[in-house]
Amino acid sequence: MDDLEIKHSEDPHKPHKPIETNYSKHQDDPGPSRQAVDEYDKNGAAPVLKWIIPILVVALLIYWLFFKG
């Protein structure tokens, strides 16, 4: 077994790579593509959670206030 410790090589203090426009020029170390950066999340959970969480909070608050004792 190899006991080599692999560490994450990305430095959080360095700026992000720019969006890639010429992949063939930077093929060995490309930046993110335009599609990856600007991807629209059409099936995300945020719109649903935006309504479910407040309703649950209000329902649990009503339960706690009126049915706790």
Foldseek 3Di string as FASTA:
>chain_A
DDPDDDDDDDDPPDDADDADDDCVVVVVPGHHHPCVVPPDDPPDCVVVCVPVVVVVVVVVVCCCVPVVD
